[in-house]
Amino acid sequence: VVNRDLLYTALKISKNNPKAAGLRLCDIKTFREKVRGLELIKTNSTGRGIPQGTSISALLSNIYMLDFDKKIKDIVKSISGEYYRYCDDMLFIIDSDKTSELMSLVTQSISELKIEINDKKTEIRTFHTYRGVQKCDKPLQYLGFIYDGERKLIRSAALARFSGRMKAGVRLAKKTHQKANLIEEKDGVT
């Protein structure tokens, strides 16, 4: 773990506008001198958790949760339901009369892995059909999408994030194109 504020201070990056530093915070030499050299990297001493945001996080969570996934998927299938998980986001689609029983089983199975379910993030949605149209008590949010029983929508936060990435990609493509044109002009290529 590296404390973001200490890192920004060491690298002289504005805390108010860190994106101005660019996509890469520092080169390898600066990393060795300032990040590692100033001992900004702290080891996780709790013995729990995986690094969030790294490319290996999803793989590690899948390996750790493999037996849990198989057990829960079998249980959910036995009650004619569906189970989906992406890292720490789980979705169960079951008949509402099975909710309490399944929550108990999931909580027990999770505790056997020495991890916990965040009750504040646990949400239950009830879907029903009214005059041939599926409705729900409150829209379901999962992995950046919203489902209200009729429509599948992209969450506004996810849309804003993707829009920002797209704009950055377009800016980079324009700069690359302009640079290529300048080189061609310099070399006399028309």
N, C-alpha and C. Protein backbone atom coordinates (compact mmCIF):
# COMPACT_ATOMS: atom_id res chain seq x y z
N VAL A 1 0.85 -1.17 0.00
CA VAL A 1 0.00 0.00 0.00
C VAL A 1 0.90 1.24 0.00
N VAL A 2 0.48 2.25 -0.76
CA VAL A 2 1.16 3.53 -0.74
C VAL A 2 0.11 4.60 -0.44
N ASN A 3 0.38 5.42 0.55
CA ASN A 3 -0.52 6.51 0.89
C ASN A 3 -0.51 7.53 -0.25
N ARG A 4 -1.66 7.76 -0.85
CA ARG A 4 -1.76 8.63 -2.01
C ARG A 4 -1.23 10.04 -1.74
N ASP A 5 -1.61 10.64 -0.61
CA ASP A 5 -1.20 12.01 -0.32
C ASP A 5 0.32 12.12 -0.15
N LEU A 6 0.92 11.13 0.53
CA LEU A 6 2.38 11.12 0.69
C LEU A 6 3.08 10.95 -0.66
N LEU A 7 2.50 10.09 -1.51
CA LEU A 7 3.05 9.85 -2.84
C LEU A 7 3.00 11.14 -3.67
N TYR A 8 1.85 11.80 -3.68
CA TYR A 8 1.71 13.04 -4.44
C TYR A 8 2.70 14.09 -3.95
N THR A 9 2.87 14.19 -2.64
CA THR A 9 3.82 15.16 -2.08
C THR A 9 5.24 14.83 -2.53
N ALA A 10 5.63 13.57 -2.44
CA ALA A 10 6.98 13.15 -2.82
C ALA A 10 7.25 13.39 -4.30
N LEU A 11 6.22 13.19 -5.13
CA LEU A 11 6.38 13.35 -6.58
C LEU A 11 6.02 14.77 -7.06
N LYS A 12 5.69 15.65 -6.12
CA LYS A 12 5.28 17.03 -6.43
C LYS A 12 4.11 17.07 -7.41
N ILE A 13 3.10 16.26 -7.12
CA ILE A 13 1.88 16.19 -7.93
C ILE A 13 0.77 16.88 -7.15
N SER A 14 0.01 17.70 -7.82
CA SER A 14 -1.09 18.42 -7.18
C SER A 14 -2.15 17.44 -6.71
N LYS A 15 -2.55 17.56 -5.45
CA LYS A 15 -3.63 16.71 -4.92
C LYS A 15 -4.98 17.12 -5.50
N ASN A 16 -5.07 18.39 -5.94
CA ASN A 16 -6.32 18.89 -6.49
C ASN A 16 -6.50 18.52 -7.96
N ASN A 17 -5.39 18.30 -8.66
CA ASN A 17 -5.47 17.97 -10.08
C ASN A 17 -4.39 16.95 -10.44
N PRO A 18 -4.47 15.72 -9.88
CA PRO A 18 -3.42 14.73 -10.13
C PRO A 18 -3.35 14.27 -11.58
N LYS A 19 -4.45 14.41 -12.32
CA LYS A 19 -4.45 13.97 -13.72
C LYS A 19 -3.53 14.82 -14.58
N ALA A 20 -3.18 16.01 -14.10
CA ALA A 20 -2.26 16.87 -14.84
C ALA A 20 -0.88 16.23 -14.96
N ALA A 21 -0.57 15.28 -14.06
CA ALA A 21 0.72 14.60 -14.09
C ALA A 21 0.80 13.62 -15.25
N GLY A 22 -0.33 13.27 -15.83
CA GLY A 22 -0.35 12.33 -16.94
C GLY A 22 -0.78 10.95 -16.48
N LEU A 23 -0.74 10.01 -17.43
CA LEU A 23 -1.19 8.65 -17.12
C LEU A 23 -0.20 7.93 -16.22
N ARG A 24 1.08 8.21 -16.39
CA ARG A 24 2.11 7.54 -15.61
C ARG A 24 2.61 8.51 -14.55
N LEU A 25 2.58 8.08 -13.29
CA LEU A 25 2.99 8.99 -12.21
C LEU A 25 4.47 9.28 -12.22
N CYS A 26 5.28 8.26 -12.53
CA CYS A 26 6.73 8.47 -12.53
C CYS A 26 7.42 7.38 -13.33
N ASP A 27 8.68 7.62 -13.64
CA ASP A 27 9.45 6.59 -14.34
C ASP A 27 10.08 5.65 -13.30
N ILE A 28 10.76 4.62 -13.80
CA ILE A 28 11.31 3.60 -12.90
C ILE A 28 12.35 4.20 -11.95
N LYS A 29 13.21 5.07 -12.48
CA LYS A 29 14.26 5.68 -11.64
C LYS A 29 13.64 6.48 -10.50
N THR A 30 12.64 7.30 -10.82
CA THR A 30 11.96 8.10 -9.80
C THR A 30 11.25 7.20 -8.80
N PHE A 31 10.64 6.12 -9.30
CA PHE A 31 9.97 5.17 -8.40
C PHE A 31 10.97 4.61 -7.39
N ARG A 32 12.14 4.19 -7.89
CA ARG A 32 13.16 3.62 -6.99
C ARG A 32 13.66 4.64 -5.98
N GLU A 33 13.90 5.86 -6.46
CA GLU A 33 14.46 6.89 -5.59
C GLU A 33 13.45 7.45 -4.59
N LYS A 34 12.26 7.79 -5.11
CA LYS A 34 11.31 8.51 -4.25
C LYS A 34 10.29 7.59 -3.56
N VAL A 35 9.70 6.66 -4.30
CA VAL A 35 8.66 5.82 -3.71
C VAL A 35 9.29 4.75 -2.82
N ARG A 36 10.17 3.98 -3.42
CA ARG A 36 10.84 2.93 -2.64
C ARG A 36 11.88 3.54 -1.71
N GLY A 37 12.65 4.51 -2.21
CA GLY A 37 13.72 5.13 -1.42
C GLY A 37 13.23 5.83 -0.18
N LEU A 38 12.09 6.47 -0.26
CA LEU A 38 11.51 7.14 0.91
C LEU A 38 10.64 6.21 1.75
N GLU A 39 10.67 4.92 1.38
CA GLU A 39 9.91 3.86 2.09
C GLU A 39 8.42 4.19 2.20
N LEU A 40 7.85 4.63 1.05
CA LEU A 40 6.42 4.94 1.02
C LEU A 40 5.57 3.67 0.89
N ILE A 41 6.18 2.57 0.45
CA ILE A 41 5.43 1.32 0.28
C ILE A 41 5.32 0.63 1.64
N LYS A 42 4.11 0.37 2.05
CA LYS A 42 3.85 -0.30 3.33
C LYS A 42 3.21 -1.66 3.08
N THR A 43 3.73 -2.67 3.73
CA THR A 43 3.22 -4.03 3.58
C THR A 43 1.93 -4.18 4.37
N ASN A 44 0.99 -4.93 3.80
CA ASN A 44 -0.27 -5.22 4.49
C ASN A 44 0.02 -6.14 5.67
N SER A 45 -0.04 -5.61 6.87
CA SER A 45 0.30 -6.40 8.07
C SER A 45 -0.90 -7.14 8.65
N THR A 46 -2.09 -6.92 8.07
CA THR A 46 -3.29 -7.56 8.63
C THR A 46 -3.39 -9.03 8.24
N GLY A 47 -2.67 -9.42 7.15
CA GLY A 47 -2.78 -10.79 6.68
C GLY A 47 -4.10 -11.06 5.97
N ARG A 48 -4.84 -10.00 5.67
CA ARG A 48 -6.14 -10.12 5.01
C ARG A 48 -6.18 -9.22 3.80
N GLY A 49 -6.97 -9.65 2.82
CA GLY A 49 -7.24 -8.80 1.67
C GLY A 49 -6.27 -9.01 0.52
N ILE A 50 -6.66 -8.48 -0.62
CA ILE A 50 -5.82 -8.52 -1.82
C ILE A 50 -5.69 -7.10 -2.33
N PRO A 51 -4.62 -6.81 -3.08
CA PRO A 51 -4.46 -5.45 -3.60
C PRO A 51 -5.60 -5.09 -4.55
N GLN A 52 -6.25 -3.99 -4.30
CA GLN A 52 -7.37 -3.57 -5.14
C GLN A 52 -6.86 -2.76 -6.31
N GLY A 53 -7.47 -3.00 -7.47
CA GLY A 53 -7.13 -2.23 -8.64
C GLY A 53 -6.01 -2.80 -9.48
N THR A 54 -5.33 -3.83 -9.00
CA THR A 54 -4.26 -4.42 -9.81
C THR A 54 -4.87 -5.44 -10.76
N SER A 55 -4.13 -5.75 -11.80
CA SER A 55 -4.65 -6.68 -12.80
C SER A 55 -4.78 -8.10 -12.25
N ILE A 56 -4.10 -8.40 -11.18
CA ILE A 56 -4.15 -9.75 -10.63
C ILE A 56 -5.26 -9.92 -9.58
N SER A 57 -5.88 -8.82 -9.15
CA SER A 57 -6.90 -8.87 -8.09
C SER A 57 -8.05 -9.81 -8.43
N ALA A 58 -8.60 -9.69 -9.65
CA ALA A 58 -9.73 -10.53 -10.05
C ALA A 58 -9.32 -12.00 -10.08
N LEU A 59 -8.11 -12.28 -10.57
CA LEU A 59 -7.62 -13.66 -10.62
C LEU A 59 -7.49 -14.24 -9.21
N LEU A 60 -6.88 -13.47 -8.31
CA LEU A 60 -6.73 -13.95 -6.93
C LEU A 60 -8.08 -14.19 -6.25
N SER A 61 -9.02 -13.29 -6.48
CA SER A 61 -10.34 -13.47 -5.85
C SER A 61 -11.03 -14.71 -6.42
N ASN A 62 -10.87 -14.94 -7.73
CA ASN A 62 -11.48 -16.13 -8.34
C ASN A 62 -10.87 -17.41 -7.80
N ILE A 63 -9.57 -17.43 -7.62
CA ILE A 63 -8.91 -18.63 -7.06
C ILE A 63 -9.39 -18.85 -5.63
N TYR A 64 -9.41 -17.79 -4.83
CA TYR A 64 -9.80 -17.91 -3.43
C TYR A 64 -11.27 -18.33 -3.28
N MET A 65 -12.11 -17.87 -4.18
CA MET A 65 -13.55 -18.12 -4.07
C MET A 65 -14.03 -19.32 -4.87
N LEU A 66 -13.15 -20.08 -5.48
CA LEU A 66 -13.53 -21.18 -6.37
C LEU A 66 -14.46 -22.19 -5.71
N ASP A 67 -14.09 -22.70 -4.54
CA ASP A 67 -14.93 -23.69 -3.84
C ASP A 67 -16.25 -23.07 -3.40
N PHE A 68 -16.20 -21.82 -2.92
CA PHE A 68 -17.42 -21.11 -2.53
C PHE A 68 -18.37 -21.00 -3.72
N ASP A 69 -17.82 -20.57 -4.87
CA ASP A 69 -18.65 -20.41 -6.07
C ASP A 69 -19.34 -21.71 -6.46
N LYS A 70 -18.59 -22.80 -6.44
CA LYS A 70 -19.18 -24.09 -6.83
C LYS A 70 -20.30 -24.48 -5.87
N LYS A 71 -20.01 -24.35 -4.58
CA LYS A 71 -21.00 -24.72 -3.55
C LYS A 71 -22.27 -23.87 -3.69
N ILE A 72 -22.11 -22.57 -3.78
CA ILE A 72 -23.26 -21.66 -3.84
C ILE A 72 -24.00 -21.81 -5.16
N LYS A 73 -23.27 -21.98 -6.25
CA LYS A 73 -23.93 -22.17 -7.55
C LYS A 73 -24.81 -23.42 -7.51
N ASP A 74 -24.30 -24.51 -6.93
CA ASP A 74 -25.08 -25.74 -6.82
C ASP A 74 -26.34 -25.54 -5.97
N ILE A 75 -26.18 -24.82 -4.86
CA ILE A 75 -27.33 -24.55 -3.98
C ILE A 75 -28.37 -23.71 -4.72
N VAL A 76 -27.92 -22.65 -5.37
CA VAL A 76 -28.84 -21.74 -6.06
C VAL A 76 -29.52 -22.46 -7.23
N LYS A 77 -28.78 -23.28 -7.95
CA LYS A 77 -29.38 -24.06 -9.06
C LYS A 77 -30.45 -25.01 -8.52
N SER A 78 -30.20 -25.59 -7.33
CA SER A 78 -31.16 -26.55 -6.76
C SER A 78 -32.49 -25.90 -6.41
N ILE A 79 -32.50 -24.57 -6.26
CA ILE A 79 -33.76 -23.86 -5.99
C ILE A 79 -34.19 -23.06 -7.21
N SER A 80 -33.70 -23.49 -8.39
CA SER A 80 -34.06 -22.88 -9.69
C SER A 80 -33.68 -21.41 -9.79
N GLY A 81 -32.53 -21.08 -9.23
CA GLY A 81 -32.07 -19.69 -9.29
C GLY A 81 -30.81 -19.55 -10.12
N GLU A 82 -30.29 -18.33 -10.14
CA GLU A 82 -29.06 -18.01 -10.86
C GLU A 82 -28.11 -17.28 -9.91
N TYR A 83 -26.82 -17.53 -10.07
CA TYR A 83 -25.79 -16.90 -9.23
C TYR A 83 -24.71 -16.32 -10.13
N TYR A 84 -24.33 -15.05 -9.86
CA TYR A 84 -23.26 -14.39 -10.59
C TYR A 84 -22.36 -13.70 -9.58
N ARG A 85 -21.05 -13.72 -9.85
CA ARG A 85 -20.11 -13.00 -8.99
C ARG A 85 -19.01 -12.41 -9.84
N TYR A 86 -18.66 -11.16 -9.56
CA TYR A 86 -17.49 -10.53 -10.14
C TYR A 86 -16.72 -9.92 -8.98
N CYS A 87 -15.57 -10.49 -8.67
CA CYS A 87 -14.76 -10.10 -7.51
C CYS A 87 -15.61 -10.14 -6.25
N ASP A 88 -15.93 -8.99 -5.68
CA ASP A 88 -16.71 -9.00 -4.43
C ASP A 88 -18.17 -8.59 -4.65
N ASP A 89 -18.61 -8.53 -5.89
CA ASP A 89 -20.01 -8.21 -6.19
C ASP A 89 -20.75 -9.49 -6.56
N MET A 90 -21.75 -9.83 -5.77
CA MET A 90 -22.53 -11.05 -6.01
C MET A 90 -23.97 -10.69 -6.35
N LEU A 91 -24.55 -11.49 -7.23
CA LEU A 91 -25.95 -11.31 -7.61
C LEU A 91 -26.63 -12.68 -7.57
N PHE A 92 -27.73 -12.75 -6.83
CA PHE A 92 -28.52 -13.96 -6.75
C PHE A 92 -29.90 -13.66 -7.30
N ILE A 93 -30.37 -14.49 -8.20
CA ILE A 93 -31.72 -14.33 -8.73
C ILE A 93 -32.49 -15.57 -8.29
N ILE A 94 -33.38 -15.37 -7.31
CA ILE A 94 -34.12 -16.49 -6.71
C ILE A 94 -35.54 -16.06 -6.41
N ASP A 95 -36.39 -17.06 -6.11
CA ASP A 95 -37.74 -16.74 -5.64
C ASP A 95 -37.63 -16.06 -4.28
N SER A 96 -38.44 -15.04 -4.06
CA SER A 96 -38.32 -14.24 -2.83
C SER A 96 -38.55 -15.05 -1.56
N ASP A 97 -39.30 -16.15 -1.63
CA ASP A 97 -39.54 -16.94 -0.42
C ASP A 97 -38.30 -17.73 0.02
N LYS A 98 -37.26 -17.73 -0.79
CA LYS A 98 -36.01 -18.45 -0.46
C LYS A 98 -34.92 -17.51 0.05
N THR A 99 -35.20 -16.22 0.13
CA THR A 99 -34.20 -15.21 0.45
C THR A 99 -33.51 -15.45 1.79
N SER A 100 -34.26 -15.62 2.87
CA SER A 100 -33.68 -15.77 4.20
C SER A 100 -32.79 -17.00 4.28
N GLU A 101 -33.29 -18.10 3.73
CA GLU A 101 -32.54 -19.36 3.76
C GLU A 101 -31.21 -19.20 3.01
N LEU A 102 -31.26 -18.59 1.84
CA LEU A 102 -30.04 -18.42 1.04
C LEU A 102 -29.07 -17.46 1.73
N MET A 103 -29.57 -16.37 2.29
CA MET A 103 -28.70 -15.42 2.97
C MET A 103 -27.96 -16.09 4.12
N SER A 104 -28.64 -16.96 4.84
CA SER A 104 -27.99 -17.70 5.92
C SER A 104 -26.86 -18.57 5.41
N LEU A 105 -27.15 -19.32 4.35
CA LEU A 105 -26.14 -20.22 3.76
C LEU A 105 -24.94 -19.44 3.23
N VAL A 106 -25.20 -18.33 2.55
CA VAL A 106 -24.11 -17.52 1.99
C VAL A 106 -23.27 -16.93 3.11
N THR A 107 -23.92 -16.38 4.14
CA THR A 107 -23.20 -15.78 5.26
C THR A 107 -22.31 -16.81 5.95
N GLN A 108 -22.85 -18.00 6.17
CA GLN A 108 -22.07 -19.07 6.81
C GLN A 108 -20.89 -19.49 5.93
N SER A 109 -21.14 -19.66 4.64
CA SER A 109 -20.08 -20.08 3.73
C SER A 109 -18.99 -19.03 3.59
N ILE A 110 -19.38 -17.77 3.59
CA ILE A 110 -18.41 -16.66 3.50
C ILE A 110 -17.56 -16.62 4.77
N SER A 111 -18.19 -16.80 5.93
CA SER A 111 -17.43 -16.75 7.19
C SER A 111 -16.42 -17.88 7.28
N GLU A 112 -16.70 -19.02 6.65
CA GLU A 112 -15.74 -20.13 6.61
C GLU A 112 -14.49 -19.74 5.85
N LEU A 113 -14.60 -18.80 4.93
CA LEU A 113 -13.45 -18.30 4.17
C LEU A 113 -12.71 -17.19 4.91
N LYS A 114 -13.20 -16.84 6.09
CA LYS A 114 -12.64 -15.77 6.92
C LYS A 114 -12.74 -14.40 6.24
N ILE A 115 -13.84 -14.21 5.52
CA ILE A 115 -14.16 -12.90 4.97
C ILE A 115 -15.58 -12.56 5.39
N GLU A 116 -15.95 -11.32 5.23
CA GLU A 116 -17.26 -10.87 5.72
C GLU A 116 -18.07 -10.23 4.60
N ILE A 117 -19.37 -10.30 4.74
CA ILE A 117 -20.27 -9.60 3.84
C ILE A 117 -20.57 -8.25 4.46
N ASN A 118 -20.47 -7.20 3.68
CA ASN A 118 -20.78 -5.86 4.16
C ASN A 118 -22.30 -5.69 4.11
N ASP A 119 -22.92 -5.74 5.27
CA ASP A 119 -24.39 -5.63 5.35
C ASP A 119 -24.90 -4.31 4.76
N LYS A 120 -24.09 -3.26 4.84
CA LYS A 120 -24.51 -1.95 4.32
C LYS A 120 -24.61 -1.98 2.80
N LYS A 121 -23.88 -2.91 2.16
CA LYS A 121 -23.92 -2.99 0.71
C LYS A 121 -24.83 -4.11 0.21
N THR A 122 -25.43 -4.84 1.14
CA THR A 122 -26.34 -5.92 0.76
C THR A 122 -27.71 -5.33 0.47
N GLU A 123 -28.23 -5.61 -0.71
CA GLU A 123 -29.52 -5.07 -1.11
C GLU A 123 -30.39 -6.19 -1.66
N ILE A 124 -31.66 -6.12 -1.38
CA ILE A 124 -32.62 -7.10 -1.90
C ILE A 124 -33.64 -6.36 -2.75
N ARG A 125 -33.88 -6.87 -3.93
CA ARG A 125 -34.86 -6.29 -4.83
C ARG A 125 -35.94 -7.33 -5.09
N THR A 126 -37.17 -6.87 -5.15
CA THR A 126 -38.29 -7.77 -5.43
C THR A 126 -38.91 -7.38 -6.77
N PHE A 127 -38.95 -8.36 -7.66
CA PHE A 127 -39.53 -8.15 -8.99
C PHE A 127 -40.88 -8.87 -9.05
N HIS A 128 -41.82 -8.27 -9.75
CA HIS A 128 -43.13 -8.88 -9.94
C HIS A 128 -43.69 -8.44 -11.30
N THR A 129 -44.67 -9.15 -11.76
CA THR A 129 -45.29 -8.80 -13.04
C THR A 129 -46.64 -8.15 -12.75
N TYR A 130 -46.86 -6.98 -13.35
CA TYR A 130 -48.11 -6.26 -13.18
C TYR A 130 -48.64 -5.93 -14.56
N ARG A 131 -49.80 -6.49 -14.91
CA ARG A 131 -50.43 -6.31 -16.22
C ARG A 131 -49.47 -6.63 -17.37
N GLY A 132 -48.77 -7.72 -17.18
CA GLY A 132 -47.86 -8.20 -18.22
C GLY A 132 -46.53 -7.48 -18.31
N VAL A 133 -46.28 -6.55 -17.38
CA VAL A 133 -45.02 -5.79 -17.39
C VAL A 133 -44.27 -6.07 -16.10
N GLN A 134 -42.96 -6.39 -16.25
CA GLN A 134 -42.15 -6.66 -15.06
C GLN A 134 -41.81 -5.36 -14.37
N LYS A 135 -41.98 -5.33 -13.06
CA LYS A 135 -41.70 -4.15 -12.23
C LYS A 135 -40.82 -4.58 -11.07
N CYS A 136 -40.17 -3.60 -10.42
CA CYS A 136 -39.42 -3.91 -9.21
C CYS A 136 -39.64 -2.80 -8.19
N ASP A 137 -39.39 -3.15 -6.92
CA ASP A 137 -39.59 -2.19 -5.84
C ASP A 137 -38.57 -1.05 -5.89
N LYS A 138 -37.37 -1.35 -6.35
CA LYS A 138 -36.30 -0.36 -6.48
C LYS A 138 -35.34 -0.89 -7.53
N PRO A 139 -34.83 -0.05 -8.44
CA PRO A 139 -33.95 -0.54 -9.51
C PRO A 139 -32.72 -1.28 -8.97
N LEU A 140 -32.36 -2.33 -9.67
CA LEU A 140 -31.20 -3.16 -9.33
C LEU A 140 -29.96 -2.56 -9.96
N GLN A 141 -28.91 -2.37 -9.17
CA GLN A 141 -27.63 -1.88 -9.70
C GLN A 141 -26.62 -3.00 -9.58
N TYR A 142 -25.94 -3.31 -10.69
CA TYR A 142 -24.92 -4.36 -10.66
C TYR A 142 -23.90 -4.09 -11.76
N LEU A 143 -22.64 -4.01 -11.37
CA LEU A 143 -21.52 -3.83 -12.29
C LEU A 143 -21.69 -2.67 -13.27
N GLY A 144 -22.14 -1.54 -12.76
CA GLY A 144 -22.25 -0.35 -13.60
C GLY A 144 -23.53 -0.24 -14.40
N PHE A 145 -24.45 -1.17 -14.19
CA PHE A 145 -25.72 -1.14 -14.92
C PHE A 145 -26.88 -1.02 -13.94
N ILE A 146 -28.00 -0.55 -14.43
CA ILE A 146 -29.23 -0.45 -13.65
C ILE A 146 -30.31 -1.19 -14.42
N TYR A 147 -31.09 -2.00 -13.69
CA TYR A 147 -32.21 -2.71 -14.31
C TYR A 147 -33.45 -2.43 -13.48
N ASP A 148 -34.48 -1.89 -14.13
CA ASP A 148 -35.70 -1.52 -13.41
C ASP A 148 -36.87 -2.47 -13.67
N GLY A 149 -36.59 -3.62 -14.29
CA GLY A 149 -37.63 -4.57 -14.61
C GLY A 149 -38.02 -4.53 -16.07
N GLU A 150 -37.80 -3.37 -16.69
CA GLU A 150 -38.11 -3.20 -18.11
C GLU A 150 -36.89 -2.82 -18.93
N ARG A 151 -36.10 -1.90 -18.38
CA ARG A 151 -34.97 -1.35 -19.15
C ARG A 151 -33.64 -1.66 -18.48
N LYS A 152 -32.61 -1.84 -19.30
CA LYS A 152 -31.24 -1.99 -18.83
C LYS A 152 -30.53 -0.69 -19.18
N LEU A 153 -29.99 -0.01 -18.18
CA LEU A 153 -29.35 1.28 -18.39
C LEU A 153 -27.92 1.27 -17.84
N ILE A 154 -27.08 2.12 -18.39
CA ILE A 154 -25.74 2.30 -17.84
C ILE A 154 -25.84 3.36 -16.74
N ARG A 155 -25.25 3.06 -15.58
CA ARG A 155 -25.26 4.03 -14.49
C ARG A 155 -24.55 5.30 -14.93
N SER A 156 -25.04 6.45 -14.48
CA SER A 156 -24.47 7.73 -14.91
C SER A 156 -23.00 7.84 -14.53
N ALA A 157 -22.61 7.33 -13.36
CA ALA A 157 -21.20 7.40 -12.94
C ALA A 157 -20.33 6.59 -13.89
N ALA A 158 -20.81 5.41 -14.30
CA ALA A 158 -20.05 4.57 -15.23
C ALA A 158 -19.97 5.26 -16.59
N LEU A 159 -21.05 5.87 -17.01
CA LEU A 159 -21.08 6.56 -18.29
C LEU A 159 -20.10 7.73 -18.30
N ALA A 160 -20.06 8.48 -17.21
CA ALA A 160 -19.14 9.62 -17.11
C ALA A 160 -17.69 9.13 -17.15
N ARG A 161 -17.41 8.03 -16.47
CA ARG A 161 -16.06 7.47 -16.45
C ARG A 161 -15.63 7.04 -17.86
N PHE A 162 -16.52 6.31 -18.54
CA PHE A 162 -16.21 5.86 -19.90
C PHE A 162 -16.09 7.04 -20.86
N SER A 163 -16.92 8.04 -20.67
CA SER A 163 -16.86 9.23 -21.52
C SER A 163 -15.52 9.93 -21.35
N GLY A 164 -15.06 10.04 -20.11
CA GLY A 164 -13.76 10.66 -19.84
C GLY A 164 -12.63 9.89 -20.50
N ARG A 165 -12.68 8.56 -20.41
CA ARG A 165 -11.65 7.74 -21.05
C ARG A 165 -11.68 7.90 -22.57
N MET A 166 -12.90 7.96 -23.12
CA MET A 166 -13.02 8.10 -24.56
C MET A 166 -12.44 9.45 -25.02
N LYS A 167 -12.77 10.52 -24.30
CA LYS A 167 -12.26 11.84 -24.66
C LYS A 167 -10.73 11.86 -24.58
N ALA A 168 -10.17 11.23 -23.55
CA ALA A 168 -8.71 11.17 -23.41
C ALA A 168 -8.10 10.40 -24.58
N GLY A 169 -8.76 9.33 -24.99
CA GLY A 169 -8.29 8.54 -26.13
C GLY A 169 -8.32 9.33 -27.42
N VAL A 170 -9.37 10.10 -27.62
CA VAL A 170 -9.49 10.93 -28.82
C VAL A 170 -8.40 12.01 -28.82
N ARG A 171 -8.17 12.65 -27.67
CA ARG A 171 -7.12 13.66 -27.57
C ARG A 171 -5.75 13.06 -27.91
N LEU A 172 -5.48 11.86 -27.38
CA LEU A 172 -4.21 11.19 -27.64
C LEU A 172 -4.07 10.86 -29.13
N ALA A 173 -5.15 10.38 -29.73
CA ALA A 173 -5.13 10.05 -31.17
C ALA A 173 -4.85 11.31 -31.99
N LYS A 174 -5.47 12.43 -31.62
CA LYS A 174 -5.24 13.69 -32.35
C LYS A 174 -3.78 14.14 -32.24
N LYS A 175 -3.23 14.08 -31.00
CA LYS A 175 -1.84 14.48 -30.80
C LYS A 175 -0.90 13.57 -31.59
N THR A 176 -1.17 12.28 -31.58
CA THR A 176 -0.34 11.33 -32.32
C THR A 176 -0.40 11.62 -33.81
N HIS A 177 -1.60 11.90 -34.30
CA HIS A 177 -1.79 12.23 -35.72
C HIS A 177 -1.04 13.52 -36.09
N GLN A 178 -1.17 14.53 -35.25
CA GLN A 178 -0.49 15.80 -35.49
C GLN A 178 1.03 15.62 -35.51
N LYS A 179 1.53 14.81 -34.58
CA LYS A 179 2.96 14.56 -34.51
C LYS A 179 3.43 13.83 -35.77
N ALA A 180 2.67 12.85 -36.22
CA ALA A 180 3.01 12.12 -37.45
C ALA A 180 3.00 13.06 -38.65
N ASN A 181 2.05 13.97 -38.71
CA ASN A 181 1.98 14.95 -39.81
C ASN A 181 3.19 15.88 -39.81
N LEU A 182 3.60 16.32 -38.61
CA LEU A 182 4.77 17.19 -38.50
C LEU A 182 6.03 16.47 -38.98
N ILE A 183 6.18 15.23 -38.62
CA ILE A 183 7.33 14.44 -39.04
C ILE A 183 7.32 14.28 -40.57
N GLU A 184 6.15 14.00 -41.15
CA GLU A 184 6.04 13.88 -42.60
C GLU A 184 6.38 15.19 -43.29
N GLU A 185 5.92 16.30 -42.74
CA GLU A 185 6.22 17.63 -43.31
C GLU A 185 7.71 17.89 -43.28
N LYS A 186 8.33 17.59 -42.13
CA LYS A 186 9.76 17.79 -41.95
C LYS A 186 10.56 16.97 -42.95
N ASP A 187 10.10 15.73 -43.18
CA ASP A 187 10.78 14.82 -44.10
C ASP A 187 10.40 15.08 -45.56
N GLY A 188 9.52 16.03 -45.80
CA GLY A 188 9.12 16.36 -47.16
C GLY A 188 8.11 15.41 -47.77
N VAL A 189 7.45 14.63 -46.96
CA VAL A 189 6.42 13.70 -47.46
C VAL A 189 5.10 14.44 -47.47
N THR A 190 4.38 14.36 -48.59
CA THR A 190 3.10 15.06 -48.66
C THR A 190 1.95 14.10 -48.76
